[in-house]
């Protein structure tokens, strides 16, 4: 994936659940990515706002509906402190689209239609599931990190706009 593809903007809505060592959380999300800034709104399944996560060249932060804010050094720390599990947002912006994150070694396995079925990068294993045999975009991803505290993140993609 070249730098232009990595910076390509998108808006995606979906659901995620994450767990690690007995801790975890679930939320709906609306994610706006424009290459230099990410904004992720987390809500309950009933639509109540949990938090807004933002990241850009100045850093990453969370803001809750009551006005509290939190700054963190990176996305992993921010999601750990807000969702309960570190979610690799920086890689996820490429992984959602079936690409490896630029600047880091990776391996890719493809299915019979030539679509990405499994991507390994940064210690993560990303498994892609497609809604049907003709879909070019995955409808669900399962991310697994097998470290000392195994982590699993499931992402269901409900709406895309690129």
Protein backbone atom coordinates (compact mmCIF):
# COMPACT_ATOMS: atom_id res chain seq x y z
CA UNK A 1 0.00 0.00 0.00
CA UNK A 2 1.47 3.36 -0.95
CA UNK A 3 1.36 6.52 1.17
CA UNK A 4 -1.50 8.01 -0.91
CA UNK A 5 -3.69 4.95 -0.30
CA UNK A 6 -2.84 5.06 3.42
CA UNK A 7 -3.92 8.69 3.62
CA UNK A 8 -7.15 8.13 1.66
CA UNK A 9 -10.08 9.34 3.75
CA UNK A 10 -12.95 7.14 4.84
CA UNK A 11 -15.98 7.10 7.10
CA UNK A 12 -17.04 3.78 8.55
CA UNK A 13 -19.69 2.75 11.07
CA UNK A 14 -19.66 -0.53 12.87
CA UNK A 15 -19.45 -2.47 16.08
CA UNK A 16 -16.50 -3.77 18.01
CA UNK A 17 -15.82 -5.97 20.97
CA UNK A 18 -12.44 -6.43 22.59
CA UNK A 19 -11.13 -8.62 25.35
CA UNK A 20 -7.86 -9.36 27.08
CA UNK A 21 -7.21 -11.36 30.24
CA UNK A 22 -10.81 -11.30 31.40
CA UNK A 23 -11.24 -7.58 30.68
CA UNK A 24 -13.10 -6.22 27.74
CA UNK A 25 -15.71 -4.00 26.30
CA UNK A 26 -18.06 -3.55 23.40
CA UNK A 27 -19.32 -0.47 21.58
CA UNK A 28 -20.70 0.85 18.35
CA UNK A 29 -18.39 3.23 16.51
CA UNK A 30 -18.44 5.90 13.83
CA UNK A 31 -14.91 6.53 12.53
CA UNK A 32 -13.80 9.42 10.34
CA UNK A 33 -10.25 9.04 8.96
CA UNK A 34 -8.67 11.68 6.74
CA UNK A 35 -5.03 10.57 6.72
CA UNK A 36 -3.83 13.21 9.19
CA UNK A 37 -6.63 13.02 11.76
CA UNK A 38 -8.85 10.30 13.16
CA UNK A 39 -12.07 10.83 15.05
CA UNK A 40 -13.89 7.85 16.57
CA UNK A 41 -17.25 8.24 18.32
CA UNK A 42 -18.06 5.34 20.64
CA UNK A 43 -21.68 4.69 21.60
CA UNK A 44 -23.69 2.04 23.40
CA UNK A 45 -25.91 -0.27 21.34
CA UNK A 46 -28.80 2.06 22.23
CA UNK A 47 -26.94 5.11 20.88
CA UNK A 48 -25.78 6.76 24.13
CA UNK A 49 -22.42 8.47 23.64
CA UNK A 50 -19.59 6.83 25.57
CA UNK A 51 -16.66 8.93 24.35
CA UNK A 52 -15.07 10.68 21.38
CA UNK A 53 -11.50 9.60 20.62
CA UNK A 54 -9.36 11.84 18.42
CA UNK A 55 -5.82 11.63 17.16
CA UNK A 56 -3.62 13.82 15.02
CA UNK A 57 -0.05 15.16 14.92
CA UNK A 58 -0.59 16.80 18.35
CA UNK A 59 -1.46 13.48 20.03
CA UNK A 60 -4.42 11.33 21.01
CA UNK A 61 -7.20 12.16 23.45
CA UNK A 62 -10.62 11.13 24.67
CA UNK A 63 -13.52 13.30 25.69
CA UNK A 64 -16.57 12.09 27.60
CA UNK A 65 -20.06 13.62 27.50
CA UNK A 66 -19.56 15.10 30.99
CA UNK A 67 -16.60 17.15 29.74
CA UNK A 68 -13.78 15.03 31.20
CA UNK A 69 -10.79 14.57 28.89
CA UNK A 70 -7.80 12.27 28.78
CA UNK A 71 -4.55 12.64 26.85
CA UNK A 72 -2.42 9.59 26.02
CA UNK A 73 0.90 8.97 24.29
CA UNK A 74 -0.60 6.67 21.61
CA UNK A 75 -3.76 4.90 20.46
CA UNK A 76 -2.94 1.68 22.33
CA UNK A 77 -2.74 3.51 25.66
CA UNK A 78 -5.83 5.60 24.91
CA UNK A 79 -8.02 2.64 23.97
CA UNK A 80 -6.68 0.64 26.93
CA UNK A 81 -7.74 3.43 29.28
CA UNK A 82 -11.13 4.08 27.63
CA UNK A 83 -12.29 0.67 26.32
CA UNK A 84 -10.28 -1.59 28.64
CA UNK A 85 -8.22 -3.18 25.86
CA UNK A 86 -5.47 -1.68 23.70
CA UNK A 87 -6.79 -1.52 20.12
CA UNK A 88 -4.21 -0.91 17.35
CA UNK A 89 -6.05 2.01 15.70
CA UNK A 90 -2.98 3.10 13.72
CA UNK A 91 -2.78 -0.27 11.96
CA UNK A 92 -6.53 -0.76 11.88
CA UNK A 93 -7.06 2.16 9.49
CA UNK A 94 -5.15 0.16 6.83
CA UNK A 95 -6.26 -3.31 7.96
CA UNK A 96 -9.96 -2.45 7.59
CA UNK A 97 -9.33 -1.94 3.88
CA UNK A 98 -7.31 -5.16 3.50
CA UNK A 99 -3.90 -3.46 3.37
CA UNK A 100 -0.83 -3.80 5.53
CA UNK A 101 0.20 -0.69 7.47
CA UNK A 102 2.99 1.09 5.55
CA UNK A 103 6.47 0.89 7.03
CA UNK A 104 6.14 -2.44 8.84
CA UNK A 105 6.79 -5.98 7.56
CA UNK A 106 3.74 -8.13 6.93
CA UNK A 107 2.53 -11.36 5.36
CA UNK A 108 -0.76 -11.87 3.51
CA UNK A 109 -2.72 -15.00 2.62
CA UNK A 110 -5.49 -14.76 0.02
CA UNK A 111 -8.68 -16.73 -0.55
CA UNK A 112 -9.83 -18.36 -3.82
CA UNK A 113 -11.16 -15.00 -5.11
CA UNK A 114 -7.83 -13.26 -4.47
CA UNK A 115 -9.15 -11.33 -1.46
CA UNK A 116 -7.13 -10.95 1.74
CA UNK A 117 -8.07 -13.80 4.07
CA UNK A 118 -5.31 -13.41 6.68
CA UNK A 119 -2.85 -10.60 7.33
CA UNK A 120 -0.06 -10.73 9.91
CA UNK A 121 1.61 -7.53 11.04
CA UNK A 122 3.04 -5.95 14.20
CA UNK A 123 2.41 -9.18 16.10
CA UNK A 124 -1.30 -9.13 15.16
CA UNK A 125 -3.13 -11.73 13.11
CA UNK A 126 -6.12 -10.29 11.23
CA UNK A 127 -8.70 -12.73 9.85
CA UNK A 128 -11.12 -11.38 7.21
CA UNK A 129 -14.69 -12.60 6.65
CA UNK A 130 -16.68 -11.50 3.63
CA UNK A 131 -20.49 -11.28 3.44
CA UNK A 132 -20.60 -13.35 0.23
CA UNK A 133 -18.42 -14.72 -2.60
CA UNK A 134 -18.68 -11.53 -4.70
CA UNK A 135 -17.90 -8.92 -2.01
CA UNK A 136 -14.55 -7.17 -2.35
CA UNK A 137 -14.75 -5.56 1.10
CA UNK A 138 -14.71 -7.60 4.32
CA UNK A 139 -17.76 -7.35 6.53
CA UNK A 140 -16.01 -8.63 9.64
CA UNK A 141 -12.45 -8.72 10.96
CA UNK A 142 -11.07 -10.65 13.91
CA UNK A 143 -7.76 -9.36 15.26
CA UNK A 144 -5.72 -11.59 17.56
CA UNK A 145 -2.57 -10.72 19.45
CA UNK A 146 -1.06 -13.87 21.02
CA UNK A 147 1.30 -12.13 23.49
CA UNK A 148 1.62 -12.87 27.20
CA UNK A 149 -1.91 -11.52 27.63
CA UNK A 150 -3.72 -12.67 24.47
CA UNK A 151 -5.99 -10.01 22.98
CA UNK A 152 -8.89 -10.41 20.60
CA UNK A 153 -10.76 -7.60 18.85
CA UNK A 154 -13.79 -8.28 16.67
CA UNK A 155 -14.92 -5.60 14.24
CA UNK A 156 -18.16 -5.69 12.25
CA UNK A 157 -18.39 -3.11 9.47
CA UNK A 158 -21.93 -1.86 8.86
CA UNK A 159 -21.43 1.14 6.54
CA UNK A 160 -18.52 2.42 4.41
CA UNK A 161 -18.00 5.73 2.65
CA UNK A 162 -14.68 6.30 0.84
